[in-house]
Protein backbone atom coordinates (compact mmCIF):
# COMPACT_ATOMS: atom_id res chain seq x y z
CA MET A 1 -19.93 -21.98 -88.22
CA THR A 2 -16.53 -23.09 -88.85
CA ALA A 3 -15.13 -26.66 -89.19
CA LEU A 4 -13.21 -26.28 -86.02
CA ASN A 5 -16.35 -25.13 -84.01
CA ARG A 6 -18.23 -28.24 -85.30
CA THR A 7 -15.43 -30.27 -84.41
CA VAL A 8 -15.10 -29.19 -80.85
CA ARG A 9 -18.98 -29.29 -80.45
CA MET A 10 -18.91 -32.78 -81.97
CA ALA A 11 -16.31 -33.96 -79.40
CA ALA A 12 -18.31 -32.39 -76.70
CA GLN A 13 -21.38 -34.23 -77.33
CA ILE A 14 -19.66 -37.58 -77.90
CA SER A 15 -17.61 -37.02 -74.41
CA LEU A 16 -21.24 -36.26 -72.75
CA LEU A 17 -22.73 -39.07 -74.28
CA LEU A 18 -19.97 -41.51 -73.22
CA SER A 19 -19.99 -40.16 -69.55
CA LEU A 20 -23.64 -40.63 -69.36
CA ALA A 21 -23.41 -44.12 -71.02
CA SER A 22 -20.81 -45.22 -68.36
CA SER A 23 -22.66 -43.80 -65.29
CA SER A 24 -25.91 -45.63 -66.38
CA VAL A 25 -23.90 -48.85 -66.64
CA TYR A 26 -22.19 -48.38 -63.24
CA LEU A 27 -25.52 -47.58 -61.66
CA LEU A 28 -27.05 -50.65 -62.92
CA GLU A 29 -24.24 -52.88 -62.17
CA LYS A 30 -24.03 -51.39 -58.50
CA THR A 31 -27.95 -51.67 -57.99
CA TYR A 32 -28.54 -55.03 -59.31
CA LEU A 33 -25.30 -56.91 -59.46
CA GLY A 34 -23.64 -55.47 -56.34
CA ASP A 35 -26.58 -55.54 -54.02
CA GLU A 36 -25.46 -58.24 -51.43
CA GLU A 37 -28.88 -58.19 -49.66
CA THR A 38 -30.79 -59.46 -52.89
CA VAL A 39 -27.97 -61.97 -53.82
CA TYR A 40 -28.44 -63.42 -50.24
CA LYS A 41 -32.35 -63.63 -50.29
CA GLU A 42 -32.26 -65.07 -53.85
CA GLY A 43 -30.07 -68.03 -52.24
CA ASN A 44 -26.87 -67.57 -54.20
CA ILE A 45 -23.61 -68.45 -53.13
CA SER A 46 -21.55 -65.32 -52.34
CA GLU A 47 -18.10 -67.56 -52.26
CA VAL A 48 -16.71 -71.03 -52.67
CA ALA A 49 -13.97 -72.34 -50.59
CA LYS A 50 -12.11 -75.70 -49.79
CA GLY A 51 -11.98 -74.48 -46.08
CA PRO A 52 -11.38 -73.61 -43.55
CA VAL A 53 -13.58 -70.85 -43.59
CA THR A 54 -14.83 -68.73 -40.95
CA ILE A 55 -18.28 -67.68 -40.28
CA GLU A 56 -20.11 -66.12 -37.32
CA HIS A 57 -17.07 -66.85 -35.17
CA VAL A 58 -17.01 -70.44 -36.18
CA GLU A 59 -14.23 -72.22 -38.43
CA TRP A 60 -15.66 -74.84 -40.82
CA LYS A 61 -13.79 -77.43 -42.66
CA LEU A 62 -15.21 -80.18 -44.75
CA ASP A 63 -13.38 -83.46 -43.96
CA SER A 64 -15.79 -85.89 -46.20
CA LEU A 65 -19.09 -86.49 -47.87
CA LYS A 66 -20.23 -90.23 -47.75
CA ALA A 67 -23.28 -92.07 -49.04
CA SER A 68 -24.75 -94.74 -46.94
CA THR A 69 -27.86 -96.90 -47.37
CA THR A 70 -28.30 -97.06 -43.46
CA LEU A 71 -26.91 -95.55 -40.45
CA VAL A 72 -26.37 -97.21 -37.20
CA ASP A 73 -25.68 -96.29 -33.56
CA ASP A 74 -22.89 -97.30 -31.06
CA GLU A 75 -24.62 -100.49 -30.54
CA GLY A 76 -25.39 -101.56 -33.85
CA GLU A 77 -28.89 -100.51 -34.16
CA GLU A 78 -30.10 -98.85 -36.86
CA ILE A 79 -30.91 -95.31 -36.61
CA SER A 80 -34.43 -94.03 -37.93
CA LEU A 81 -34.50 -91.22 -40.35
CA ASP A 82 -37.32 -89.97 -42.78
CA LYS A 83 -35.87 -91.80 -45.98
CA PRO A 84 -38.49 -92.32 -48.77
CA ALA A 85 -37.57 -95.08 -51.25
CA GLY A 86 -34.84 -94.32 -53.98
CA SER A 87 -33.21 -92.02 -51.30
CA VAL A 88 -29.56 -92.23 -50.14
CA ILE A 89 -28.24 -91.01 -46.68
CA ILE A 90 -25.10 -88.82 -47.16
CA VAL A 91 -23.02 -88.24 -43.84
CA ALA A 92 -21.08 -84.83 -44.00
CA THR A 93 -18.04 -84.75 -41.61
CA ALA A 94 -16.53 -81.38 -40.66
CA THR A 95 -14.24 -80.14 -38.41
CA LEU A 96 -15.74 -77.01 -36.63
CA THR A 97 -13.58 -74.74 -34.33
CA PRO A 98 -15.54 -72.10 -32.00
CA LEU A 99 -13.37 -68.98 -31.88
CA ASP A 100 -13.22 -65.90 -29.53
CA GLY A 101 -16.42 -63.94 -29.68
CA LEU A 102 -18.93 -66.90 -30.02
CA TYR A 103 -21.41 -67.40 -27.26
CA LEU A 104 -21.24 -70.70 -25.56
CA LYS A 105 -24.00 -71.81 -23.73
CA ASP A 106 -23.81 -74.66 -21.58
CA GLY A 107 -20.73 -75.78 -23.88
CA GLY A 108 -22.65 -75.52 -27.19
CA PHE A 109 -23.72 -73.11 -29.79
CA SER A 110 -26.13 -72.87 -32.78
CA CYS A 111 -24.40 -74.12 -36.24
CA LYS A 112 -26.25 -75.29 -39.20
CA ALA A 113 -25.09 -76.66 -42.46
CA ASP A 114 -26.99 -77.36 -45.65
CA LEU A 115 -25.88 -79.82 -48.57
CA ARG A 116 -25.86 -78.41 -52.05
CA ASP A 117 -25.28 -80.05 -55.49
CA ASP A 118 -24.21 -78.41 -58.69
CA ARG A 119 -27.57 -78.06 -59.95
CA GLY A 120 -28.46 -75.45 -57.32
CA ASN A 121 -30.48 -78.07 -55.04
CA VAL A 122 -30.49 -77.81 -51.37
CA TRP A 123 -30.97 -80.23 -48.63
CA GLU A 124 -31.42 -79.45 -44.86
CA GLY A 125 -29.90 -81.79 -42.47
CA GLN A 126 -31.64 -84.32 -39.96
CA SER A 127 -30.87 -85.27 -36.46
CA ALA A 128 -29.55 -88.66 -36.24
CA TYR A 129 -29.66 -89.61 -32.44
CA GLY A 130 -27.27 -92.17 -31.35
CA TYR A 131 -24.89 -91.55 -34.03
CA ALA A 132 -20.97 -91.99 -33.11
CA LEU A 133 -20.15 -88.03 -33.68
CA PRO A 134 -22.39 -84.95 -32.67
CA THR A 135 -24.87 -84.26 -35.21
CA TYR A 136 -25.72 -80.68 -33.83
CA CYS A 137 -23.57 -78.20 -31.85
CA ALA A 138 -25.74 -77.83 -28.89
CA ASP A 139 -25.14 -81.49 -27.83
CA THR A 140 -24.42 -81.85 -24.11
CA ASP A 141 -22.58 -85.05 -24.40
CA HIS A 142 -20.26 -83.64 -26.72
CA PRO A 143 -19.49 -80.17 -25.36
CA TRP A 144 -17.38 -77.57 -27.44
CA LYS A 145 -14.44 -75.45 -26.18
CA ARG A 146 -13.27 -72.42 -27.51
CA ASN A 147 -10.43 -72.36 -29.99
CA LYS A 148 -10.41 -76.47 -29.83
CA PRO A 149 -11.35 -78.18 -33.11
CA GLY A 150 -14.13 -80.81 -32.93
CA LYS A 151 -15.95 -83.27 -35.42
CA LEU A 152 -19.69 -82.72 -36.50
CA ALA A 153 -21.58 -84.99 -38.71
CA GLN A 154 -24.51 -83.58 -40.83
CA ILE A 155 -26.95 -86.14 -41.84
CA PHE A 156 -28.76 -85.61 -45.00
CA VAL A 157 -31.16 -87.59 -47.37
CA VAL A 158 -31.00 -87.18 -50.90
CA PRO A 159 -32.52 -88.67 -54.25
CA LYS A 160 -29.99 -91.20 -55.56
CA SER A 161 -29.67 -89.61 -58.57
CA ALA A 162 -28.33 -86.26 -56.80
CA VAL A 163 -25.38 -88.07 -55.46
CA PRO A 164 -22.92 -87.50 -58.43
CA HIS A 165 -23.71 -83.94 -58.42
CA LEU A 166 -23.21 -82.94 -54.72
CA THR A 167 -20.38 -80.47 -54.14
CA GLY A 168 -20.22 -79.70 -50.58
CA ILE A 169 -21.97 -77.88 -47.64
CA GLN A 170 -23.27 -74.48 -47.39
CA VAL A 171 -23.00 -72.39 -44.32
CA GLU A 172 -24.48 -68.92 -43.94
CA SER A 173 -24.77 -65.89 -42.23
CA LEU A 174 -27.71 -63.46 -42.18
CA GLU A 175 -25.95 -60.72 -40.39
CA GLU A 176 -23.09 -60.72 -42.87
CA ARG A 177 -25.27 -61.61 -46.04
CA ARG A 178 -23.02 -64.35 -46.76
CA ARG A 179 -23.28 -67.75 -48.08
CA VAL A 180 -20.30 -70.06 -48.43
CA LEU A 181 -20.30 -73.19 -50.33
CA ILE A 182 -17.50 -75.41 -48.40
CA THR A 183 -15.93 -78.11 -50.90
CA GLY A 184 -13.90 -81.17 -49.82
C-alpha cells in the first residue's frame, strides 16, 4: 500500500468518525434538550419577559409585587386567608387584556398565575373575596371586555424568608407547551 492510499484511507475514516460524532451530538441535543413537552412537564420556564406577554389570547403585564401582613376589604374588614405563622401576603397586580379569539363567558374567562422565586419555588394564588381589585377573571362584578385592559390582583401567601427571592409571576399554556416568567 502506498503512502497516498494510506493518507486517503485515513482521511476517509476521520471524516466518517467526525460525521458520526456530530450526528450523535445533534440527535442527543434534539431529543433531550429540545423536547418542549419534557421541558414543560419538568416545570421549567420556557421564557422570561418583562411584559407584556401574550399567552392563550390574553396579554399579561406585571405592574407590581407588594408584601403585606394583612388584607382589608372596601369596608376596612380583614380578609380571611390561609396564612400560617411566619408567612407574608404578596399582592401581585397585573394588567390583563383579553384579545380577539378568547372565549368570554358572561364577561369572564379562565386565567391563572403563580408566584415564583429565584430558587424554583412556586406558589399558587388564593381567593380573597372582597378585595378592591378582582382576584380572578370570571368575576361577574368586574366583567372583562375584549381588547380593553383591566387590572387583576393575584394573592399569594409565602414564607417570610422567600420575599427577597421573589422574581415574578408565571403564566402557562398546556396547549402551547409554554411557561413564561413575567418580571416587573
